[in-house]
Amino acid sequence: MEEIVKKIQASIDEIKPFLQQDGGDIELIEVTPDFTV
């Protein structure tokens, strides 16, 4: 599970610059046991 969370965070980190250029952002809060992000 820890490795998957790291991959999810890395993917979110790739998205962040696109959101930030429009004045937004995104934060990972939780990954549930059934992989709802």
Full PDB file with SEQRES, HELIX, SHEET, SSBOND, CRYST1, ORIGX, SCALE, CONECT and MASTER records, all heavy atoms in Angstrom:
SEQRES   1 A   37  MET GLU GLU ILE VAL LYS LYS ILE GLN ALA SER ILE ASP          
SEQRES   2 A   37  GLU ILE LYS PRO PHE LEU GLN GLN ASP GLY GLY ASP ILE          
SEQRES   3 A   37  GLU LEU ILE GLU VAL THR PRO ASP PHE THR VAL                  
HELIX    1 AA1 GLU A    2  GLN A   20  1                                  19    
CRYST1    1.000    1.000    1.000  90.00  90.00  90.00 P 1           1          
ORIGX1      1.000000  0.000000  0.000000        0.00000                         
ORIGX2      0.000000  1.000000  0.000000        0.00000                         
ORIGX3      0.000000  0.000000  1.000000        0.00000                         
SCALE1      1.000000  0.000000  0.000000        0.00000                         
SCALE2      0.000000  1.000000  0.000000        0.00000                         
SCALE3      0.000000  0.000000  1.000000        0.00000                         
ATOM      1  N   MET A   1       0.829  -1.196   0.000  1.00  0.00           N  
ATOM      2  CA  MET A   1       0.000   0.000   0.000  1.00  0.00           C  
ATOM      3  C   MET A   1       0.872   1.258   0.000  1.00  0.00           C  
ATOM      4  O   MET A   1       0.558   2.215  -0.700  1.00  0.00           O  
ATOM      5  CB  MET A   1      -0.929  -0.038   1.226  1.00  0.00           C  
ATOM      6  CG  MET A   1      -1.792   1.170   1.377  1.00  0.00           C  
ATOM      7  SD  MET A   1      -3.177   1.163   0.239  1.00  0.00           S  
ATOM      8  CE  MET A   1      -4.273   2.278   1.013  1.00  0.00           C  
ATOM      9  N   GLU A   2       1.946   1.249   0.756  1.00  0.00           N  
ATOM     10  CA  GLU A   2       2.828   2.423   0.848  1.00  0.00           C  
ATOM     11  C   GLU A   2       3.425   2.786  -0.512  1.00  0.00           C  
ATOM     12  O   GLU A   2       3.516   3.959  -0.870  1.00  0.00           O  
ATOM     13  CB  GLU A   2       3.950   2.158   1.864  1.00  0.00           C  
ATOM     14  CG  GLU A   2       4.838   3.359   2.103  1.00  0.00           C  
ATOM     15  CD  GLU A   2       5.914   3.072   3.139  1.00  0.00           C  
ATOM     16  OE1 GLU A   2       5.657   2.311   4.091  1.00  0.00           O  
ATOM     17  OE2 GLU A   2       7.013   3.626   2.985  1.00  0.00           O  
ATOM     18  N   GLU A   3       3.793   1.774  -1.278  1.00  0.00           N  
ATOM     19  CA  GLU A   3       4.367   2.015  -2.611  1.00  0.00           C  
ATOM     20  C   GLU A   3       3.324   2.635  -3.549  1.00  0.00           C  
ATOM     21  O   GLU A   3       3.643   3.535  -4.334  1.00  0.00           O  
ATOM     22  CB  GLU A   3       4.908   0.705  -3.202  1.00  0.00           C  
ATOM     23  CG  GLU A   3       5.710   0.897  -4.447  1.00  0.00           C  
ATOM     24  CD  GLU A   3       6.955   1.763  -4.259  1.00  0.00           C  
ATOM     25  OE1 GLU A   3       7.596   1.704  -3.201  1.00  0.00           O  
ATOM     26  OE2 GLU A   3       7.274   2.508  -5.199  1.00  0.00           O  
ATOM     27  N   ILE A   4       2.092   2.184  -3.444  1.00  0.00           N  
ATOM     28  CA  ILE A   4       1.022   2.731  -4.280  1.00  0.00           C  
ATOM     29  C   ILE A   4       0.752   4.191  -3.908  1.00  0.00           C  
ATOM     30  O   ILE A   4       0.570   5.035  -4.783  1.00  0.00           O  
ATOM     31  CB  ILE A   4      -0.246   1.862  -4.176  1.00  0.00           C  
ATOM     32  CG1 ILE A   4       0.017   0.516  -4.857  1.00  0.00           C  
ATOM     33  CG2 ILE A   4      -1.452   2.569  -4.789  1.00  0.00           C  
ATOM     34  CD1 ILE A   4      -1.060  -0.507  -4.689  1.00  0.00           C  
ATOM     35  N   VAL A   5       0.752   4.492  -2.625  1.00  0.00           N  
ATOM     36  CA  VAL A   5       0.551   5.876  -2.178  1.00  0.00           C  
ATOM     37  C   VAL A   5       1.666   6.770  -2.723  1.00  0.00           C  
ATOM     38  O   VAL A   5       1.409   7.890  -3.173  1.00  0.00           O  
ATOM     39  CB  VAL A   5       0.453   5.963  -0.638  1.00  0.00           C  
ATOM     40  CG1 VAL A   5       0.431   7.415  -0.173  1.00  0.00           C  
ATOM     41  CG2 VAL A   5      -0.785   5.234  -0.138  1.00  0.00           C  
ATOM     42  N   LYS A   6       2.885   6.271  -2.741  1.00  0.00           N  
ATOM     43  CA  LYS A   6       4.001   7.045  -3.304  1.00  0.00           C  
ATOM     44  C   LYS A   6       3.794   7.318  -4.788  1.00  0.00           C  
ATOM     45  O   LYS A   6       4.060   8.412  -5.279  1.00  0.00           O  
ATOM     46  CB  LYS A   6       5.330   6.308  -3.090  1.00  0.00           C  
ATOM     47  CG  LYS A   6       5.848   6.357  -1.677  1.00  0.00           C  
ATOM     48  CD  LYS A   6       7.162   5.632  -1.562  1.00  0.00           C  
ATOM     49  CE  LYS A   6       7.653   5.601  -0.129  1.00  0.00           C  
ATOM     50  NZ  LYS A   6       8.921   4.888   0.003  1.00  0.00           N  
ATOM     51  N   LYS A   7       3.298   6.319  -5.517  1.00  0.00           N  
ATOM     52  CA  LYS A   7       3.030   6.495  -6.949  1.00  0.00           C  
ATOM     53  C   LYS A   7       1.905   7.504  -7.167  1.00  0.00           C  
ATOM     54  O   LYS A   7       1.969   8.323  -8.089  1.00  0.00           O  
ATOM     55  CB  LYS A   7       2.657   5.155  -7.591  1.00  0.00           C  
ATOM     56  CG  LYS A   7       3.821   4.202  -7.732  1.00  0.00           C  
ATOM     57  CD  LYS A   7       3.363   2.913  -8.372  1.00  0.00           C  
ATOM     58  CE  LYS A   7       4.498   1.922  -8.483  1.00  0.00           C  
ATOM     59  NZ  LYS A   7       4.058   0.648  -9.080  1.00  0.00           N  
ATOM     60  N   ILE A   8       0.880   7.437  -6.327  1.00  0.00           N  
ATOM     61  CA  ILE A   8      -0.230   8.387  -6.425  1.00  0.00           C  
ATOM     62  C   ILE A   8       0.268   9.801  -6.161  1.00  0.00           C  
ATOM     63  O   ILE A   8      -0.069  10.730  -6.898  1.00  0.00           O  
ATOM     64  CB  ILE A   8      -1.369   7.991  -5.458  1.00  0.00           C  
ATOM     65  CG1 ILE A   8      -2.035   6.701  -5.948  1.00  0.00           C  
ATOM     66  CG2 ILE A   8      -2.382   9.124  -5.299  1.00  0.00           C  
ATOM     67  CD1 ILE A   8      -2.986   6.057  -4.960  1.00  0.00           C  
ATOM     68  N   GLN A   9       1.091   9.974  -5.128  1.00  0.00           N  
ATOM     69  CA  GLN A   9       1.618  11.298  -4.814  1.00  0.00           C  
ATOM     70  C   GLN A   9       2.486  11.822  -5.952  1.00  0.00           C  
ATOM     71  O   GLN A   9       2.414  12.994  -6.310  1.00  0.00           O  
ATOM     72  CB  GLN A   9       2.422  11.275  -3.506  1.00  0.00           C  
ATOM     73  CG  GLN A   9       2.942  12.643  -3.088  1.00  0.00           C  
ATOM     74  CD  GLN A   9       1.834  13.637  -2.799  1.00  0.00           C  
ATOM     75  OE1 GLN A   9       1.026  13.419  -1.916  1.00  0.00           O  
ATOM     76  NE2 GLN A   9       1.786  14.736  -3.542  1.00  0.00           N  
ATOM     77  N   ALA A  10       3.278  10.959  -6.548  1.00  0.00           N  
ATOM     78  CA  ALA A  10       4.128  11.370  -7.669  1.00  0.00           C  
ATOM     79  C   ALA A  10       3.274  11.821  -8.856  1.00  0.00           C  
ATOM     80  O   ALA A  10       3.590  12.812  -9.521  1.00  0.00           O  
ATOM     81  CB  ALA A  10       5.053  10.223  -8.082  1.00  0.00           C  
ATOM     82  N   SER A  11       2.183  11.119  -9.110  1.00  0.00           N  
ATOM     83  CA  SER A  11       1.286  11.488 -10.193  1.00  0.00           C  
ATOM     84  C   SER A  11       0.626  12.838  -9.906  1.00  0.00           C  
ATOM     85  O   SER A  11       0.518  13.696 -10.790  1.00  0.00           O  
ATOM     86  CB  SER A  11       0.229  10.394 -10.382  1.00  0.00           C  
ATOM     87  OG  SER A  11      -0.545  10.638 -11.516  1.00  0.00           O  
ATOM     88  N   ILE A  12       0.193  13.042  -8.676  1.00  0.00           N  
ATOM     89  CA  ILE A  12      -0.399  14.327  -8.278  1.00  0.00           C  
ATOM     90  C   ILE A  12       0.632  15.444  -8.415  1.00  0.00           C  
ATOM     91  O   ILE A  12       0.304  16.541  -8.875  1.00  0.00           O  
ATOM     92  CB  ILE A  12      -0.968  14.242  -6.843  1.00  0.00           C  
ATOM     93  CG1 ILE A  12      -2.250  13.402  -6.861  1.00  0.00           C  
ATOM     94  CG2 ILE A  12      -1.236  15.635  -6.267  1.00  0.00           C  
ATOM     95  CD1 ILE A  12      -2.828  13.098  -5.499  1.00  0.00           C  
ATOM     96  N   ASP A  13       1.869  15.163  -8.056  1.00  0.00           N  
ATOM     97  CA  ASP A  13       2.928  16.174  -8.182  1.00  0.00           C  
ATOM     98  C   ASP A  13       3.135  16.594  -9.638  1.00  0.00           C  
ATOM     99  O   ASP A  13       3.518  17.733  -9.902  1.00  0.00           O  
ATOM    100  CB  ASP A  13       4.240  15.663  -7.581  1.00  0.00           C  
ATOM    101  CG  ASP A  13       4.198  15.596  -6.057  1.00  0.00           C  
ATOM    102  OD1 ASP A  13       3.294  16.203  -5.444  1.00  0.00           O  
ATOM    103  OD2 ASP A  13       5.064  14.915  -5.474  1.00  0.00           O  
ATOM    104  N   GLU A  14       2.869  15.698 -10.582  1.00  0.00           N  
ATOM    105  CA  GLU A  14       2.974  16.036 -12.002  1.00  0.00           C  
ATOM    106  C   GLU A  14       1.819  16.935 -12.448  1.00  0.00           C  
ATOM    107  O   GLU A  14       1.963  17.731 -13.373  1.00  0.00           O  
ATOM    108  CB  GLU A  14       2.990  14.765 -12.856  1.00  0.00           C  
ATOM    109  CG  GLU A  14       4.257  13.962 -12.714  1.00  0.00           C  
ATOM    110  CD  GLU A  14       4.232  12.688 -13.541  1.00  0.00           C  
ATOM    111  OE1 GLU A  14       3.434  12.586 -14.503  1.00  0.00           O  
ATOM    112  OE2 GLU A  14       5.011  11.767 -13.235  1.00  0.00           O  
ATOM    113  N   ILE A  15       0.672  16.805 -11.808  1.00  0.00           N  
ATOM    114  CA  ILE A  15      -0.520  17.584 -12.146  1.00  0.00           C  
ATOM    115  C   ILE A  15      -0.456  18.996 -11.562  1.00  0.00           C  
ATOM    116  O   ILE A  15      -0.945  19.955 -12.163  1.00  0.00           O  
ATOM    117  CB  ILE A  15      -1.791  16.860 -11.619  1.00  0.00           C  
ATOM    118  CG1 ILE A  15      -1.957  15.515 -12.317  1.00  0.00           C  
ATOM    119  CG2 ILE A  15      -3.031  17.717 -11.782  1.00  0.00           C  
ATOM    120  CD1 ILE A  15      -2.957  14.599 -11.655  1.00  0.00           C  
ATOM    121  N   LYS A  16       0.155  19.117 -10.387  1.00  0.00           N  
ATOM    122  CA  LYS A  16       0.176  20.390  -9.652  1.00  0.00           C  
ATOM    123  C   LYS A  16       0.554  21.617 -10.481  1.00  0.00           C  
ATOM    124  O   LYS A  16      -0.137  22.629 -10.411  1.00  0.00           O  
ATOM    125  CB  LYS A  16       1.124  20.294  -8.447  1.00  0.00           C  
ATOM    126  CG  LYS A  16       0.524  19.640  -7.251  1.00  0.00           C  
ATOM    127  CD  LYS A  16       1.558  19.598  -6.122  1.00  0.00           C  
ATOM    128  CE  LYS A  16       0.951  19.105  -4.856  1.00  0.00           C  
ATOM    129  NZ  LYS A  16       0.612  20.159  -3.944  1.00  0.00           N  
ATOM    130  N   PRO A  17       1.620  21.580 -11.280  1.00  0.00           N  
ATOM    131  CA  PRO A  17       1.995  22.795 -12.018  1.00  0.00           C  
ATOM    132  C   PRO A  17       0.897  23.308 -12.943  1.00  0.00           C  
ATOM    133  O   PRO A  17       0.742  24.517 -13.113  1.00  0.00           O  
ATOM    134  CB  PRO A  17       3.227  22.363 -12.821  1.00  0.00           C  
ATOM    135  CG  PRO A  17       3.787  21.198 -12.083  1.00  0.00           C  
ATOM    136  CD  PRO A  17       2.608  20.512 -11.472  1.00  0.00           C  
ATOM    137  N   PHE A  18       0.117  22.413 -13.531  1.00  0.00           N  
ATOM    138  CA  PHE A  18      -0.959  22.822 -14.423  1.00  0.00           C  
ATOM    139  C   PHE A  18      -2.068  23.531 -13.649  1.00  0.00           C  
ATOM    140  O   PHE A  18      -2.632  24.512 -14.119  1.00  0.00           O  
ATOM    141  CB  PHE A  18      -1.522  21.615 -15.183  1.00  0.00           C  
ATOM    142  CG  PHE A  18      -0.495  20.957 -16.056  1.00  0.00           C  
ATOM    143  CD1 PHE A  18       0.151  19.795 -15.657  1.00  0.00           C  
ATOM    144  CD2 PHE A  18      -0.146  21.521 -17.276  1.00  0.00           C  
ATOM    145  CE1 PHE A  18       1.106  19.189 -16.449  1.00  0.00           C  
ATOM    146  CE2 PHE A  18       0.816  20.927 -18.088  1.00  0.00           C  
ATOM    147  CZ  PHE A  18       1.445  19.760 -17.672  1.00  0.00           C  
ATOM    148  N   LEU A  19      -2.368  23.031 -12.459  1.00  0.00           N  
ATOM    149  CA  LEU A  19      -3.384  23.670 -11.632  1.00  0.00           C  
ATOM    150  C   LEU A  19      -2.868  24.991 -11.061  1.00  0.00           C  
ATOM    151  O   LEU A  19      -3.608  25.975 -10.988  1.00  0.00           O  
ATOM    152  CB  LEU A  19      -3.816  22.732 -10.501  1.00  0.00           C  
ATOM    153  CG  LEU A  19      -4.441  21.403 -10.931  1.00  0.00           C  
ATOM    154  CD1 LEU A  19      -4.752  20.543  -9.716  1.00  0.00           C  
ATOM    155  CD2 LEU A  19      -5.669  21.614 -11.776  1.00  0.00           C  
ATOM    156  N   GLN A  20      -1.598  25.007 -10.675  1.00  0.00           N  
ATOM    157  CA  GLN A  20      -1.015  26.203 -10.071  1.00  0.00           C  
ATOM    158  C   GLN A  20      -0.935  27.362 -11.064  1.00  0.00           C  
ATOM    159  O   GLN A  20      -1.080  28.511 -10.674  1.00  0.00           O  
ATOM    160  CB  GLN A  20       0.359  25.880  -9.483  1.00  0.00           C  
ATOM    161  CG  GLN A  20       0.257  24.998  -8.257  1.00  0.00           C  
ATOM    162  CD  GLN A  20       1.591  24.429  -7.794  1.00  0.00           C  
ATOM    163  OE1 GLN A  20       2.563  24.379  -8.549  1.00  0.00           O  
ATOM    164  NE2 GLN A  20       1.634  23.984  -6.546  1.00  0.00           N  
ATOM    165  N   GLN A  21      -0.728  27.085 -12.333  1.00  0.00           N  
ATOM    166  CA  GLN A  21      -0.642  28.169 -13.313  1.00  0.00           C  
ATOM    167  C   GLN A  21      -1.991  28.865 -13.493  1.00  0.00           C  
ATOM    168  O   GLN A  21      -2.047  29.980 -13.986  1.00  0.00           O  
ATOM    169  CB  GLN A  21      -0.076  27.697 -14.643  1.00  0.00           C  
ATOM    170  CG  GLN A  21      -0.994  26.863 -15.487  1.00  0.00           C  
ATOM    171  CD  GLN A  21      -0.295  26.327 -16.729  1.00  0.00           C  
ATOM    172  OE1 GLN A  21       0.909  26.089 -16.727  1.00  0.00           O  
ATOM    173  NE2 GLN A  21      -1.041  26.113 -17.784  1.00  0.00           N  
ATOM    174  N   ASP A  22      -3.076  28.216 -13.062  1.00  0.00           N  
ATOM    175  CA  ASP A  22      -4.404  28.834 -13.113  1.00  0.00           C  
ATOM    176  C   ASP A  22      -4.858  29.305 -11.738  1.00  0.00           C  
ATOM    177  O   ASP A  22      -6.033  29.607 -11.535  1.00  0.00           O  
ATOM    178  CB  ASP A  22      -5.424  27.848 -13.681  1.00  0.00           C  
ATOM    179  CG  ASP A  22      -5.241  27.617 -15.173  1.00  0.00           C  
ATOM    180  OD1 ASP A  22      -4.797  28.553 -15.871  1.00  0.00           O  
ATOM    181  OD2 ASP A  22      -5.534  26.513 -15.645  1.00  0.00           O  
ATOM    182  N   GLY A  23      -3.938  29.352 -10.774  1.00  0.00           N  
ATOM    183  CA  GLY A  23      -4.261  29.845  -9.437  1.00  0.00           C  
ATOM    184  C   GLY A  23      -4.844  28.810  -8.499  1.00  0.00           C  
ATOM    185  O   GLY A  23      -5.387  29.139  -7.447  1.00  0.00           O  
ATOM    186  N   GLY A  24      -4.729  27.533  -8.859  1.00  0.00           N  
ATOM    187  CA  GLY A  24      -5.263  26.468  -8.024  1.00  0.00           C  
ATOM    188  C   GLY A  24      -4.164  25.573  -7.495  1.00  0.00           C  
ATOM    189  O   GLY A  24      -2.980  25.823  -7.687  1.00  0.00           O  
ATOM    190  N   ASP A  25      -4.588  24.525  -6.827  1.00  0.00           N  
ATOM    191  CA  ASP A  25      -3.649  23.536  -6.310  1.00  0.00           C  
ATOM    192  C   ASP A  25      -4.442  22.291  -5.921  1.00  0.00           C  
ATOM    193  O   ASP A  25      -5.670  22.295  -5.917  1.00  0.00           O  
ATOM    194  CB  ASP A  25      -2.883  24.080  -5.099  1.00  0.00           C  
ATOM    195  CG  ASP A  25      -1.494  23.445  -4.951  1.00  0.00           C  
ATOM    196  OD1 ASP A  25      -1.245  22.398  -5.589  1.00  0.00           O  
ATOM    197  OD2 ASP A  25      -0.677  23.986  -4.211  1.00  0.00           O  
ATOM    198  N   ILE A  26      -3.718  21.235  -5.583  1.00  0.00           N  
ATOM    199  CA  ILE A  26      -4.330  19.981  -5.164  1.00  0.00           C  
ATOM    200  C   ILE A  26      -3.467  19.372  -4.070  1.00  0.00           C  
ATOM    201  O   ILE A  26      -2.242  19.471  -4.098  1.00  0.00           O  
ATOM    202  CB  ILE A  26      -4.488  19.017  -6.363  1.00  0.00           C  
ATOM    203  CG1 ILE A  26      -5.280  17.779  -5.961  1.00  0.00           C  
ATOM    204  CG2 ILE A  26      -3.149  18.643  -6.954  1.00  0.00           C  
ATOM    205  CD1 ILE A  26      -5.700  16.910  -7.140  1.00  0.00           C  
ATOM    206  N   GLU A  27      -4.127  18.770  -3.093  1.00  0.00           N  
ATOM    207  CA  GLU A  27      -3.427  18.137  -1.967  1.00  0.00           C  
ATOM    208  C   GLU A  27      -3.986  16.737  -1.776  1.00  0.00           C  
ATOM    209  O   GLU A  27      -5.203  16.543  -1.765  1.00  0.00           O  
ATOM    210  CB  GLU A  27      -3.666  18.974  -0.702  1.00  0.00           C  
ATOM    211  CG  GLU A  27      -3.140  18.360   0.561  1.00  0.00           C  
ATOM    212  CD  GLU A  27      -3.554  19.140   1.809  1.00  0.00           C  
ATOM    213  OE1 GLU A  27      -4.395  20.052   1.719  1.00  0.00           O  
ATOM    214  OE2 GLU A  27      -3.040  18.809   2.875  1.00  0.00           O  
ATOM    215  N   LEU A  28      -3.100  15.755  -1.640  1.00  0.00           N  
ATOM    216  CA  LEU A  28      -3.518  14.388  -1.340  1.00  0.00           C  
ATOM    217  C   LEU A  28      -3.886  14.314   0.135  1.00  0.00           C  
ATOM    218  O   LEU A  28      -3.081  14.672   1.000  1.00  0.00           O  
ATOM    219  CB  LEU A  28      -2.394  13.390  -1.651  1.00  0.00           C  
ATOM    220  CG  LEU A  28      -2.664  11.930  -1.298  1.00  0.00           C  
ATOM    221  CD1 LEU A  28      -3.849  11.383  -2.079  1.00  0.00           C  
ATOM    222  CD2 LEU A  28      -1.429  11.090  -1.543  1.00  0.00           C  
ATOM    223  N   ILE A  29      -5.099  13.868   0.427  1.00  0.00           N  
ATOM    224  CA  ILE A  29      -5.569  13.752   1.803  1.00  0.00           C  
ATOM    225  C   ILE A  29      -5.453  12.314   2.305  1.00  0.00           C  
ATOM    226  O   ILE A  29      -4.932  12.068   3.381  1.00  0.00           O  
ATOM    227  CB  ILE A  29      -7.040  14.231   1.926  1.00  0.00           C  
ATOM    228  CG1 ILE A  29      -7.175  15.674   1.447  1.00  0.00           C  
ATOM    229  CG2 ILE A  29      -7.558  14.065   3.352  1.00  0.00           C  
ATOM    230  CD1 ILE A  29      -6.359  16.687   2.213  1.00  0.00           C  
ATOM    231  N   GLU A  30      -5.938  11.364   1.500  1.00  0.00           N  
ATOM    232  CA  GLU A  30      -5.989   9.976   1.969  1.00  0.00           C  
ATOM    233  C   GLU A  30      -6.160   9.032   0.793  1.00  0.00           C  
ATOM    234  O   GLU A  30      -6.755   9.385  -0.218  1.00  0.00           O  
ATOM    235  CB  GLU A  30      -7.192   9.818   2.924  1.00  0.00           C  
ATOM    236  CG  GLU A  30      -7.410   8.421   3.438  1.00  0.00           C  
ATOM    237  CD  GLU A  30      -8.699   8.279   4.257  1.00  0.00           C  
ATOM    238  OE1 GLU A  30      -9.504   9.222   4.322  1.00  0.00           O  
ATOM    239  OE2 GLU A  30      -8.884   7.190   4.814  1.00  0.00           O  
ATOM    240  N   VAL A  31      -5.639   7.834   0.940  1.00  0.00           N  
ATOM    241  CA  VAL A  31      -5.932   6.733   0.031  1.00  0.00           C  
ATOM    242  C   VAL A  31      -6.575   5.654   0.895  1.00  0.00           C  
ATOM    243  O   VAL A  31      -5.965   5.154   1.833  1.00  0.00           O  
ATOM    244  CB  VAL A  31      -4.658   6.196  -0.662  1.00  0.00           C  
ATOM    245  CG1 VAL A  31      -5.023   5.025  -1.571  1.00  0.00           C  
ATOM    246  CG2 VAL A  31      -3.949   7.290  -1.432  1.00  0.00           C  
ATOM    247  N   THR A  32      -7.824   5.327   0.586  1.00  0.00           N  
ATOM    248  CA  THR A  32      -8.554   4.353   1.398  1.00  0.00           C  
ATOM    249  C   THR A  32      -8.113   2.931   1.033  1.00  0.00           C  
ATOM    250  O   THR A  32      -7.490   2.719  -0.017  1.00  0.00           O  
ATOM    251  CB  THR A  32     -10.076   4.491   1.181  1.00  0.00           C  
ATOM    252  OG1 THR A  32     -10.388   4.120  -0.158  1.00  0.00           O  
ATOM    253  CG2 THR A  32     -10.554   5.915   1.478  1.00  0.00           C  
ATOM    254  N   PRO A  33      -8.451   1.948   1.866  1.00  0.00           N  
ATOM    255  CA  PRO A  33      -8.071   0.559   1.573  1.00  0.00           C  
ATOM    256  C   PRO A  33      -8.604   0.036   0.232  1.00  0.00           C  
ATOM    257  O   PRO A  33      -8.004  -0.848  -0.362  1.00  0.00           O  
ATOM    258  CB  PRO A  33      -8.664  -0.234   2.742  1.00  0.00           C  
ATOM    259  CG  PRO A  33      -8.706   0.761   3.865  1.00  0.00           C  
ATOM    260  CD  PRO A  33      -9.032   2.075   3.207  1.00  0.00           C  
ATOM    261  N   ASP A  34      -9.723   0.603  -0.253  1.00  0.00           N  
ATOM    262  CA  ASP A  34     -10.245   0.168  -1.556  1.00  0.00           C  
ATOM    263  C   ASP A  34      -9.710   1.037  -2.703  1.00  0.00           C  
ATOM    264  O   ASP A  34     -10.222   0.975  -3.816  1.00  0.00           O  
ATOM    265  CB  ASP A  34     -11.775   0.130  -1.564  1.00  0.00           C  
ATOM    266  CG  ASP A  34     -12.403   1.525  -1.547  1.00  0.00           C  
ATOM    267  OD1 ASP A  34     -11.704   2.518  -1.244  1.00  0.00           O  
ATOM    268  OD2 ASP A  34     -13.606   1.620  -1.840  1.00  0.00           O  
ATOM    269  N   PHE A  35      -8.692   1.850  -2.413  1.00  0.00           N  
ATOM    270  CA  PHE A  35      -7.989   2.694  -3.391  1.00  0.00           C  
ATOM    271  C   PHE A  35      -8.838   3.829  -3.951  1.00  0.00           C  
ATOM    272  O   PHE A  35      -8.690   4.217  -5.100  1.00  0.00           O  
ATOM    273  CB  PHE A  35      -7.370   1.850  -4.515  1.00  0.00           C  
ATOM    274  CG  PHE A  35      -6.346   0.892  -4.001  1.00  0.00           C  
ATOM    275  CD1 PHE A  35      -6.611  -0.464  -3.947  1.00  0.00           C  
ATOM    276  CD2 PHE A  35      -5.126   1.349  -3.533  1.00  0.00           C  
ATOM    277  CE1 PHE A  35      -5.670  -1.360  -3.447  1.00  0.00           C  
ATOM    278  CE2 PHE A  35      -4.174   0.465  -3.040  1.00  0.00           C  
ATOM    279  CZ  PHE A  35      -4.455  -0.888  -2.990  1.00  0.00           C  
ATOM    280  N   THR A  36      -9.721   4.353  -3.105  1.00  0.00           N  
ATOM    281  CA  THR A  36     -10.366   5.626  -3.403  1.00  0.00           C  
ATOM    282  C   THR A  36      -9.387   6.699  -2.940  1.00  0.00           C  
ATOM    283  O   THR A  36      -8.894   6.661  -1.818  1.00  0.00           O  
ATOM    284  CB  THR A  36     -11.707   5.766  -2.665  1.00  0.00           C  
ATOM    285  OG1 THR A  36     -12.606   4.767  -3.159  1.00  0.00           O  
ATOM    286  CG2 THR A  36     -12.321   7.143  -2.868  1.00  0.00           C  
ATOM    287  N   VAL A  37      -9.085   7.632  -3.821  1.00  0.00           N  
ATOM    288  CA  VAL A  37      -8.124   8.687  -3.520  1.00  0.00           C  
ATOM    289  C   VAL A  37      -8.900   9.943  -3.140  1.00  0.00           C  
ATOM    290  O   VAL A  37      -9.717  10.435  -3.913  1.00  0.00           O  
ATOM    291  CB  VAL A  37      -7.211   8.965  -4.729  1.00  0.00           C  
ATOM    292  CG1 VAL A  37      -6.249  10.107  -4.433  1.00  0.00           C  
ATOM    293  CG2 VAL A  37      -6.454   7.704  -5.117  1.00  0.00           C  
TER     294      VAL A  37                                                      
MASTER        0    0    0    1    0    0    0    6  293    1    0    3          
END                                                                             
